[in-house]
PDB file of N, CA and C in Angstrom:
ATOM      1  N   MET A   1     -97.532 -29.208  -0.355  1.00  0.00           N
ATOM      2  CA  MET A   1     -98.619 -29.491  -1.264  1.00  0.00           C
ATOM      3  C   MET A   1     -99.654 -28.378  -1.135  1.00  0.00           C
ATOM      4  N   ASP A   2    -100.094 -27.879  -2.261  1.00  0.00           N
ATOM      5  CA  ASP A   2    -101.054 -26.778  -2.301  1.00  0.00           C
ATOM      6  C   ASP A   2    -102.470 -27.348  -2.444  1.00  0.00           C
ATOM      7  N   LEU A   3    -103.179 -27.496  -1.330  1.00  0.00           N
ATOM      8  CA  LEU A   3    -104.523 -28.080  -1.352  1.00  0.00           C
ATOM      9  C   LEU A   3    -105.584 -26.987  -1.316  1.00  0.00           C
ATOM     10  N   THR A   4    -105.791 -26.360  -2.447  1.00  0.00           N
ATOM     11  CA  THR A   4    -106.855 -25.369  -2.517  1.00  0.00           C
ATOM     12  C   THR A   4    -108.168 -26.081  -2.829  1.00  0.00           C
ATOM     13  N   ARG A   5    -109.257 -25.434  -2.468  1.00  0.00           N
ATOM     14  CA  ARG A   5    -110.575 -26.050  -2.711  1.00  0.00           C
ATOM     15  C   ARG A   5    -110.808 -26.278  -4.208  1.00  0.00           C
ATOM     16  N   SER A   6    -110.309 -25.400  -5.049  1.00  0.00           N
ATOM     17  CA  SER A   6    -110.511 -25.587  -6.493  1.00  0.00           C
ATOM     18  C   SER A   6    -109.747 -26.809  -6.999  1.00  0.00           C
ATOM     19  N   ARG A   7    -108.536 -27.022  -6.504  1.00  0.00           N
ATOM     20  CA  ARG A   7    -107.764 -28.210  -6.917  1.00  0.00           C
ATOM     21  C   ARG A   7    -108.412 -29.490  -6.401  1.00  0.00           C
ATOM     22  N   ILE A   8    -108.943 -29.431  -5.182  1.00  0.00           N
ATOM     23  CA  ILE A   8    -109.638 -30.592  -4.626  1.00  0.00           C
ATOM     24  C   ILE A   8    -110.894 -30.881  -5.450  1.00  0.00           C
ATOM     25  N   GLY A   9    -111.623 -29.849  -5.826  1.00  0.00           N
ATOM     26  CA  GLY A   9    -112.823 -30.013  -6.637  1.00  0.00           C
ATOM     27  C   GLY A   9    -112.513 -30.613  -7.995  1.00  0.00           C
ATOM     28  N   ILE A  10    -111.430 -30.142  -8.618  1.00  0.00           N
ATOM     29  CA  ILE A  10    -111.026 -30.686  -9.925  1.00  0.00           C
ATOM     30  C   ILE A  10    -110.651 -32.156  -9.784  1.00  0.00           C
ATOM     31  N   ARG A  11    -109.914 -32.472  -8.724  1.00  0.00           N
ATOM     32  CA  ARG A  11    -109.534 -33.885  -8.489  1.00  0.00           C
ATOM     33  C   ARG A  11    -110.790 -34.744  -8.296  1.00  0.00           C
ATOM     34  N   CYS A  12    -111.757 -34.239  -7.562  1.00  0.00           N
ATOM     35  CA  CYS A  12    -112.999 -34.992  -7.340  1.00  0.00           C
ATOM     36  C   CYS A  12    -113.775 -35.183  -8.646  1.00  0.00           C
ATOM     37  N   LEU A  13    -113.771 -34.181  -9.515  1.00  0.00           N
ATOM     38  CA  LEU A  13    -114.434 -34.329 -10.816  1.00  0.00           C
ATOM     39  C   LEU A  13    -113.738 -35.394 -11.670  1.00  0.00           C
ATOM     40  N   TYR A  14    -112.405 -35.375 -11.672  1.00  0.00           N
ATOM     41  CA  TYR A  14    -111.667 -36.413 -12.401  1.00  0.00           C
ATOM     42  C   TYR A  14    -111.937 -37.787 -11.784  1.00  0.00           C
ATOM     43  N   SER A  15    -112.021 -37.841 -10.470  1.00  0.00           N
ATOM     44  CA  SER A  15    -112.316 -39.112  -9.808  1.00  0.00           C
ATOM     45  C   SER A  15    -113.685 -39.628 -10.221  1.00  0.00           C
ATOM     46  N   LEU A  16    -114.656 -38.740 -10.328  1.00  0.00           N
ATOM     47  CA  LEU A  16    -115.990 -39.133 -10.775  1.00  0.00           C
ATOM     48  C   LEU A  16    -115.937 -39.685 -12.203  1.00  0.00           C
ATOM     49  N   LEU A  17    -115.174 -39.025 -13.069  1.00  0.00           N
ATOM     50  CA  LEU A  17    -114.995 -39.511 -14.434  1.00  0.00           C
ATOM     51  C   LEU A  17    -114.387 -40.904 -14.436  1.00  0.00           C
ATOM     52  N   PHE A  18    -113.331 -41.107 -13.647  1.00  0.00           N
ATOM     53  CA  PHE A  18    -112.670 -42.409 -13.626  1.00  0.00           C
ATOM     54  C   PHE A  18    -113.502 -43.468 -12.920  1.00  0.00           C
ATOM     55  N   PHE A  19    -114.399 -43.062 -12.048  1.00  0.00           N
ATOM     56  CA  PHE A  19    -115.328 -44.021 -11.463  1.00  0.00           C
ATOM     57  C   PHE A  19    -116.214 -44.614 -12.566  1.00  0.00           C
ATOM     58  N   PHE A  20    -116.740 -43.761 -13.442  1.00  0.00           N
ATOM     59  CA  PHE A  20    -117.561 -44.242 -14.553  1.00  0.00           C
ATOM     60  C   PHE A  20    -116.742 -45.070 -15.545  1.00  0.00           C
ATOM     61  N   ILE A  21    -115.526 -44.642 -15.816  1.00  0.00           N
ATOM     62  CA  ILE A  21    -114.647 -45.415 -16.696  1.00  0.00           C
ATOM     63  C   ILE A  21    -114.381 -46.789 -16.090  1.00  0.00           C
ATOM     64  N   HIS A  22    -114.178 -46.827 -14.784  1.00  0.00           N
ATOM     65  CA  HIS A  22    -113.915 -48.104 -14.118  1.00  0.00           C
ATOM     66  C   HIS A  22    -115.123 -49.041 -14.227  1.00  0.00           C
ATOM     67  N   GLU A  23    -116.310 -48.489 -14.166  1.00  0.00           N
ATOM     68  CA  GLU A  23    -117.517 -49.311 -14.331  1.00  0.00           C
ATOM     69  C   GLU A  23    -117.582 -49.906 -15.744  1.00  0.00           C
ATOM     70  N   ILE A  24    -117.178 -49.140 -16.732  1.00  0.00           N
ATOM     71  CA  ILE A  24    -117.123 -49.650 -18.113  1.00  0.00           C
ATOM     72  C   ILE A  24    -116.080 -50.755 -18.216  1.00  0.00           C
ATOM     73  N   VAL A  25    -114.935 -50.553 -17.576  1.00  0.00           N
ATOM     74  CA  VAL A  25    -113.868 -51.566 -17.589  1.00  0.00           C
ATOM     75  C   VAL A  25    -114.366 -52.857 -16.939  1.00  0.00           C
ATOM     76  N   LYS A  26    -115.098 -52.748 -15.838  1.00  0.00           N
ATOM     77  CA  LYS A  26    -115.655 -53.939 -15.187  1.00  0.00           C
ATOM     78  C   LYS A  26    -116.577 -54.699 -16.140  1.00  0.00           C
ATOM     79  N   THR A  27    -117.369 -53.972 -16.895  1.00  0.00           N
ATOM     80  CA  THR A  27    -118.256 -54.610 -17.875  1.00  0.00           C
ATOM     81  C   THR A  27    -117.438 -55.310 -18.954  1.00  0.00           C
ATOM     82  N   LEU A  28    -116.386 -54.654 -19.431  1.00  0.00           N
ATOM     83  CA  LEU A  28    -115.523 -55.272 -20.442  1.00  0.00           C
ATOM     84  C   LEU A  28    -114.853 -56.538 -19.913  1.00  0.00           C
ATOM     85  N   VAL A  29    -114.457 -56.530 -18.652  1.00  0.00           N
ATOM     86  CA  VAL A  29    -113.862 -57.729 -18.051  1.00  0.00           C
ATOM     87  C   VAL A  29    -114.888 -58.854 -18.026  1.00  0.00           C
ATOM     88  N   ALA A  30    -116.126 -58.538 -17.677  1.00  0.00           N
ATOM     89  CA  ALA A  30    -117.187 -59.558 -17.667  1.00  0.00           C
ATOM     90  C   ALA A  30    -117.418 -60.125 -19.067  1.00  0.00           C
ATOM     91  N   VAL A  31    -117.448 -59.250 -20.068  1.00  0.00           N
ATOM     92  CA  VAL A  31    -117.664 -59.697 -21.447  1.00  0.00           C
ATOM     93  C   VAL A  31    -116.501 -60.570 -21.925  1.00  0.00           C
ATOM     94  N   THR A  32    -115.280 -60.161 -21.647  1.00  0.00           N
ATOM     95  CA  THR A  32    -114.128 -60.967 -22.076  1.00  0.00           C
ATOM     96  C   THR A  32    -114.091 -62.305 -21.348  1.00  0.00           C
ATOM     97  N   THR A  33    -114.522 -62.333 -20.098  1.00  0.00           N
ATOM     98  CA  THR A  33    -114.554 -63.591 -19.350  1.00  0.00           C
ATOM     99  C   THR A  33    -115.562 -64.559 -19.956  1.00  0.00           C
ATOM    100  N   VAL A  34    -116.752 -64.069 -20.243  1.00  0.00           N
ATOM    101  CA  VAL A  34    -117.777 -64.926 -20.863  1.00  0.00           C
ATOM    102  C   VAL A  34    -117.301 -65.398 -22.234  1.00  0.00           C
ATOM    103  N   PHE A  35    -116.748 -64.478 -23.029  1.00  0.00           N
ATOM    104  CA  PHE A  35    -116.252 -64.858 -24.350  1.00  0.00           C
ATOM    105  C   PHE A  35    -115.170 -65.929 -24.226  1.00  0.00           C
ATOM    106  N   GLN A  36    -114.244 -65.724 -23.292  1.00  0.00           N
ATOM    107  CA  GLN A  36    -113.139 -66.669 -23.132  1.00  0.00           C
ATOM    108  C   GLN A  36    -113.659 -68.048 -22.711  1.00  0.00           C
ATOM    109  N   CYS A  37    -114.663 -68.089 -21.843  1.00  0.00           N
ATOM    110  CA  CYS A  37    -115.242 -69.375 -21.423  1.00  0.00           C
ATOM    111  C   CYS A  37    -115.903 -70.082 -22.593  1.00  0.00           C
ATOM    112  N   VAL A  38    -116.676 -69.369 -23.382  1.00  0.00           N
ATOM    113  CA  VAL A  38    -117.340 -69.974 -24.545  1.00  0.00           C
ATOM    114  C   VAL A  38    -116.293 -70.441 -25.556  1.00  0.00           C
ATOM    115  N   TYR A  39    -115.313 -69.606 -25.815  1.00  0.00           N
ATOM    116  CA  TYR A  39    -114.250 -69.957 -26.762  1.00  0.00           C
ATOM    117  C   TYR A  39    -113.504 -71.206 -26.283  1.00  0.00           C
ATOM    118  N   LEU A  40    -113.220 -71.266 -24.995  1.00  0.00           N
ATOM    119  CA  LEU A  40    -112.501 -72.401 -24.419  1.00  0.00           C
ATOM    120  C   LEU A  40    -113.331 -73.680 -24.514  1.00  0.00           C
ATOM    121  N   LEU A  41    -114.627 -73.566 -24.299  1.00  0.00           N
ATOM    122  CA  LEU A  41    -115.504 -74.740 -24.428  1.00  0.00           C
ATOM    123  C   LEU A  41    -115.532 -75.265 -25.858  1.00  0.00           C
ATOM    124  N   ILE A  42    -115.503 -74.371 -26.821  1.00  0.00           N
ATOM    125  CA  ILE A  42    -115.590 -74.774 -28.231  1.00  0.00           C
ATOM    126  C   ILE A  42    -114.250 -75.298 -28.748  1.00  0.00           C
ATOM    127  N   THR A  43    -113.177 -74.573 -28.489  1.00  0.00           N
ATOM    128  CA  THR A  43    -111.880 -74.912 -29.088  1.00  0.00           C
ATOM    129  C   THR A  43    -110.938 -75.684 -28.168  1.00  0.00           C
ATOM    130  N   ARG A  44    -111.252 -75.697 -26.865  1.00  0.00           N
ATOM    131  CA  ARG A  44    -110.398 -76.308 -25.836  1.00  0.00           C
ATOM    132  C   ARG A  44    -109.059 -75.609 -25.682  1.00  0.00           C
ATOM    133  N   GLU A  45    -108.960 -74.402 -26.190  1.00  0.00           N
ATOM    134  CA  GLU A  45    -107.757 -73.562 -26.036  1.00  0.00           C
ATOM    135  C   GLU A  45    -108.213 -72.134 -25.787  1.00  0.00           C
ATOM    136  N   PRO A  46    -107.483 -71.388 -24.956  1.00  0.00           N
ATOM    137  CA  PRO A  46    -107.861 -69.991 -24.741  1.00  0.00           C
ATOM    138  C   PRO A  46    -107.528 -69.136 -25.964  1.00  0.00           C
ATOM    139  N   CYS A  47    -108.265 -68.074 -26.135  1.00  0.00           N
ATOM    140  CA  CYS A  47    -108.006 -67.125 -27.223  1.00  0.00           C
ATOM    141  C   CYS A  47    -106.904 -66.178 -26.745  1.00  0.00           C
ATOM    142  N   GLU A  48    -105.720 -66.314 -27.293  1.00  0.00           N
ATOM    143  CA  GLU A  48    -104.560 -65.548 -26.821  1.00  0.00           C
ATOM    144  C   GLU A  48    -104.729 -64.030 -26.964  1.00  0.00           C
ATOM    145  N   PRO A  49    -105.240 -63.509 -28.098  1.00  0.00           N
ATOM    146  CA  PRO A  49    -105.415 -62.048 -28.170  1.00  0.00           C
ATOM    147  C   PRO A  49    -106.367 -61.517 -27.094  1.00  0.00           C
ATOM    148  N   VAL A  50    -107.432 -62.244 -26.817  1.00  0.00           N
ATOM    149  CA  VAL A  50    -108.371 -61.823 -25.774  1.00  0.00           C
ATOM    150  C   VAL A  50    -107.710 -61.935 -24.403  1.00  0.00           C
ATOM    151  N   ARG A  51    -106.923 -62.963 -24.228  1.00  0.00           N
ATOM    152  CA  ARG A  51    -106.201 -63.153 -22.966  1.00  0.00           C
ATOM    153  C   ARG A  51    -105.232 -62.000 -22.700  1.00  0.00           C
ATOM    154  N   ARG A  52    -104.497 -61.595 -23.722  1.00  0.00           N
ATOM    155  CA  ARG A  52    -103.561 -60.468 -23.562  1.00  0.00           C
ATOM    156  C   ARG A  52    -104.318 -59.169 -23.306  1.00  0.00           C
ATOM    157  N   PHE A  53    -105.427 -58.969 -24.049  1.00  0.00           N
ATOM    158  CA  PHE A  53    -106.242 -57.766 -23.849  1.00  0.00           C
ATOM    159  C   PHE A  53    -106.791 -57.712 -22.421  1.00  0.00           C
ATOM    160  N   ALA A  54    -107.289 -58.840 -21.931  1.00  0.00           N
ATOM    161  CA  ALA A  54    -107.830 -58.883 -20.573  1.00  0.00           C
ATOM    162  C   ALA A  54    -106.746 -58.618 -19.537  1.00  0.00           C
ATOM    163  N   ASN A  55    -105.537 -59.067 -19.808  1.00  0.00           N
ATOM    164  CA  ASN A  55    -104.428 -58.811 -18.893  1.00  0.00           C
ATOM    165  C   ASN A  55    -104.112 -57.315 -18.840  1.00  0.00           C
ATOM    166  N   GLN A  56    -104.084 -56.656 -19.988  1.00  0.00           N
ATOM    167  CA  GLN A  56    -103.862 -55.209 -20.017  1.00  0.00           C
ATOM    168  C   GLN A  56    -105.028 -54.475 -19.366  1.00  0.00           C
ATOM    169  N   LEU A  57    -106.223 -54.952 -19.595  1.00  0.00           N
ATOM    170  CA  LEU A  57    -107.413 -54.345 -19.007  1.00  0.00           C
ATOM    171  C   LEU A  57    -107.363 -54.444 -17.484  1.00  0.00           C
ATOM    172  N   SER A  58    -106.877 -55.560 -16.976  1.00  0.00           N
ATOM    173  CA  SER A  58    -106.719 -55.721 -15.527  1.00  0.00           C
ATOM    174  C   SER A  58    -105.728 -54.713 -14.960  1.00  0.00           C
ATOM    175  N   THR A  59    -104.643 -54.502 -15.678  1.00  0.00           N
ATOM    176  CA  THR A  59    -103.655 -53.511 -15.248  1.00  0.00           C
ATOM    177  C   THR A  59    -104.266 -52.115 -15.244  1.00  0.00           C
ATOM    178  N   TYR A  60    -105.049 -51.805 -16.274  1.00  0.00           N
ATOM    179  CA  TYR A  60    -105.701 -50.497 -16.342  1.00  0.00           C
ATOM    180  C   TYR A  60    -106.698 -50.330 -15.196  1.00  0.00           C
ATOM    181  N   ALA A  61    -107.455 -51.376 -14.888  1.00  0.00           N
ATOM    182  CA  ALA A  61    -108.397 -51.317 -13.767  1.00  0.00           C
ATOM    183  C   ALA A  61    -107.648 -51.046 -12.468  1.00  0.00           C
ATOM    184  N   TYR A  62    -106.512 -51.680 -12.296  1.00  0.00           N
ATOM    185  CA  TYR A  62    -105.680 -51.469 -11.116  1.00  0.00           C
ATOM    186  C   TYR A  62    -105.226 -50.008 -11.026  1.00  0.00           C
ATOM    187  N   ARG A  63    -104.789 -49.457 -12.146  1.00  0.00           N
ATOM    188  CA  ARG A  63    -104.336 -48.056 -12.165  1.00  0.00           C
ATOM    189  C   ARG A  63    -105.479 -47.092 -11.853  1.00  0.00           C
ATOM    190  N   THR A  64    -106.672 -47.360 -12.394  1.00  0.00           N
ATOM    191  CA  THR A  64    -107.803 -46.468 -12.106  1.00  0.00           C
ATOM    192  C   THR A  64    -108.190 -46.560 -10.631  1.00  0.00           C
ATOM    193  N   LEU A  65    -108.135 -47.755 -10.067  1.00  0.00           N
ATOM    194  CA  LEU A  65    -108.447 -47.884  -8.639  1.00  0.00           C
ATOM    195  C   LEU A  65    -107.423 -47.165  -7.775  1.00  0.00           C
ATOM    196  N   ARG A  66    -106.163 -47.229  -8.161  1.00  0.00           N
ATOM    197  CA  ARG A  66    -105.134 -46.491  -7.399  1.00  0.00           C
ATOM    198  C   ARG A  66    -105.402 -44.997  -7.468  1.00  0.00           C
ATOM    199  N   TYR A  67    -105.813 -44.499  -8.635  1.00  0.00           N
ATOM    200  CA  TYR A  67    -106.118 -43.077  -8.768  1.00  0.00           C
ATOM    201  C   TYR A  67    -107.352 -42.717  -7.940  1.00  0.00           C
ATOM    202  N   LEU A  68    -108.382 -43.544  -8.021  1.00  0.00           N
ATOM    203  CA  LEU A  68    -109.618 -43.274  -7.288  1.00  0.00           C
ATOM    204  C   LEU A  68    -109.422 -43.266  -5.775  1.00  0.00           C
ATOM    205  N   THR A  69    -108.499 -44.075  -5.287  1.00  0.00           N
ATOM    206  CA  THR A  69    -108.273 -44.173  -3.843  1.00  0.00           C
ATOM    207  C   THR A  69    -107.145 -43.257  -3.354  1.00  0.00           C
ATOM    208  N   PHE A  70    -106.750 -42.317  -4.200  1.00  0.00           N
ATOM    209  CA  PHE A  70    -105.723 -41.321  -3.867  1.00  0.00           C
ATOM    210  C   PHE A  70    -104.376 -41.953  -3.546  1.00  0.00           C
ATOM    211  N   ASN A  71    -104.072 -43.081  -4.173  1.00  0.00           N
ATOM    212  CA  ASN A  71    -102.774 -43.723  -4.017  1.00  0.00           C
ATOM    213  C   ASN A  71    -101.863 -43.479  -5.205  1.00  0.00           C
ATOM    214  N   GLU A  72    -102.363 -42.751  -6.193  1.00  0.00           N
ATOM    215  CA  GLU A  72    -101.580 -42.381  -7.363  1.00  0.00           C
ATOM    216  C   GLU A  72    -102.061 -41.004  -7.805  1.00  0.00           C
ATOM    217  N   THR A  73    -101.119 -40.151  -8.167  1.00  0.00           N
ATOM    218  CA  THR A  73    -101.508 -38.793  -8.561  1.00  0.00           C
ATOM    219  C   THR A  73    -101.629 -38.618 -10.061  1.00  0.00           C
ATOM    220  N   ASP A  74    -100.952 -39.451 -10.831  1.00  0.00           N
ATOM    221  CA  ASP A  74    -101.039 -39.349 -12.294  1.00  0.00           C
ATOM    222  C   ASP A  74    -102.372 -39.904 -12.773  1.00  0.00           C
ATOM    223  N   ARG A  75    -103.058 -39.123 -13.606  1.00  0.00           N
ATOM    224  CA  ARG A  75    -104.322 -39.599 -14.169  1.00  0.00           C
ATOM    225  C   ARG A  75    -104.057 -40.727 -15.152  1.00  0.00           C
ATOM    226  N   PRO A  76    -104.870 -41.776 -15.090  1.00  0.00           N
ATOM    227  CA  PRO A  76    -104.683 -42.892 -16.031  1.00  0.00           C
ATOM    228  C   PRO A  76    -105.090 -42.524 -17.454  1.00  0.00           C
ATOM    229  N   PHE A  77    -104.975 -43.498 -18.352  1.00  0.00           N
ATOM    230  CA  PHE A  77    -105.408 -43.350 -19.736  1.00  0.00           C
ATOM    231  C   PHE A  77    -106.837 -42.821 -19.736  1.00  0.00           C
ATOM    232  N   PRO A  78    -107.193 -41.870 -20.531  1.00  0.00           N
ATOM    233  CA  PRO A  78    -106.593 -41.345 -21.750  1.00  0.00           C
ATOM    234  C   PRO A  78    -105.682 -40.138 -21.531  1.00  0.00           C
ATOM    235  N   PHE A  79    -105.350 -39.818 -20.281  1.00  0.00           N
ATOM    236  CA  PHE A  79    -104.486 -38.667 -20.014  1.00  0.00           C
ATOM    237  C   PHE A  79    -103.010 -39.025 -20.061  1.00  0.00           C
ATOM    238  N   ARG A  80    -102.709 -40.285 -20.112  1.00  0.00           N
ATOM    239  CA  ARG A  80    -101.352 -40.772 -20.354  1.00  0.00           C
ATOM    240  C   ARG A  80    -101.471 -42.089 -21.079  1.00  0.00           C
ATOM    241  N   GLU A  81    -100.362 -42.682 -21.446  1.00  0.00           N
ATOM    242  CA  GLU A  81    -100.404 -43.906 -22.250  1.00  0.00           C
ATOM    243  C   GLU A  81    -101.077 -45.054 -21.503  1.00  0.00           C
ATOM    244  N   PHE A  82    -101.657 -45.963 -22.294  1.00  0.00           N
ATOM    245  CA  PHE A  82    -102.270 -47.152 -21.704  1.00  0.00           C
ATOM    246  C   PHE A  82    -101.174 -47.936 -20.993  1.00  0.00           C
ATOM    247  N   PRO A  83    -101.420 -48.400 -19.770  1.00  0.00           N
ATOM    248  CA  PRO A  83    -100.327 -49.032 -19.013  1.00  0.00           C
ATOM    249  C   PRO A  83     -99.914 -50.381 -19.589  1.00  0.00           C
ATOM    250  N   PRO A  84     -98.629 -50.690 -19.495  1.00  0.00           N
ATOM    251  CA  PRO A  84     -98.187 -52.029 -19.906  1.00  0.00           C
ATOM    252  C   PRO A  84     -98.633 -53.055 -18.861  1.00  0.00           C
ATOM    253  N   GLU A  85     -98.548 -54.307 -19.216  1.00  0.00           N
ATOM    254  CA  GLU A  85     -98.933 -55.369 -18.286  1.00  0.00           C
ATOM    255  C   GLU A  85     -98.059 -55.318 -17.032  1.00  0.00           C
ATOM    256  N   LEU A  86     -98.666 -55.549 -15.879  1.00  0.00           N
ATOM    257  CA  LEU A  86     -97.893 -55.630 -14.644  1.00  0.00           C
ATOM    258  C   LEU A  86     -97.100 -56.924 -14.584  1.00  0.00           C
ATOM    259  N   GLU A  87     -97.745 -58.001 -14.997  1.00  0.00           N
ATOM    260  CA  GLU A  87     -97.077 -59.295 -15.072  1.00  0.00           C
ATOM    261  C   GLU A  87     -97.610 -60.049 -16.277  1.00  0.00           C
ATOM    262  N   PRO A  88     -96.781 -60.893 -16.861  1.00  0.00           N
ATOM    263  CA  PRO A  88     -97.237 -61.629 -18.043  1.00  0.00           C
ATOM    264  C   PRO A  88     -98.274 -62.678 -17.652  1.00  0.00           C
ATOM    265  N   PRO A  89     -99.113 -63.075 -18.614  1.00  0.00           N
ATOM    266  CA  PRO A  89    -100.064 -64.144 -18.324  1.00  0.00           C
ATOM    267  C   PRO A  89     -99.330 -65.446 -18.029  1.00  0.00           C
ATOM    268  N   ALA A  90     -99.994 -66.335 -17.328  1.00  0.00           N
ATOM    269  CA  ALA A  90     -99.401 -67.646 -17.039  1.00  0.00           C
ATOM    270  C   ALA A  90     -99.100 -68.358 -18.350  1.00  0.00           C
ATOM    271  N   ALA A  91     -97.997 -69.071 -18.377  1.00  0.00           N
ATOM    272  CA  ALA A  91     -97.596 -69.765 -19.610  1.00  0.00           C
ATOM    273  C   ALA A  91     -98.598 -70.835 -20.012  1.00  0.00           C
ATOM    274  N   GLU A  92     -99.171 -71.486 -19.030  1.00  0.00           N
ATOM    275  CA  GLU A  92    -100.119 -72.563 -19.320  1.00  0.00           C
ATOM    276  C   GLU A  92    -101.306 -72.445 -18.373  1.00  0.00           C
ATOM    277  N   ILE A  93    -102.480 -72.685 -18.906  1.00  0.00           N
ATOM    278  CA  ILE A  93    -103.683 -72.637 -18.089  1.00  0.00           C
ATOM    279  C   ILE A  93    -104.012 -74.059 -17.661  1.00  0.00           C
ATOM    280  N   THR A  94    -104.153 -74.248 -16.364  1.00  0.00           N
ATOM    281  CA  THR A  94    -104.582 -75.548 -15.862  1.00  0.00           C
ATOM    282  C   THR A  94    -105.959 -75.385 -15.236  1.00  0.00           C
ATOM    283  N   LEU A  95    -106.788 -76.355 -15.427  1.00  0.00           N
ATOM    284  CA  LEU A  95    -108.159 -76.288 -14.908  1.00  0.00           C
ATOM    285  C   LEU A  95    -108.361 -77.211 -13.740  1.00  0.00           C
TER     286      LEU A  95
END
């Protein structure tokens, strides 16, 4: 592995970018959670499109954290495709 200071610096700059992206993702997760709770209170059923989006968002958050912690070398989205779900949502929600 060629660990030059310039490559390390570039990696750190990308990490800083993904740190900010991860903070935005955390905010989106909070917004989708609040929306899902309000929607569930009103309709007594979860909003499936929001549920699927939140599941993909969770996978993306996981990928950004792996990149930030130097456990993955491939840069996450937008430098590659948005990741598919790691696991499907639960078939039924029980409270």
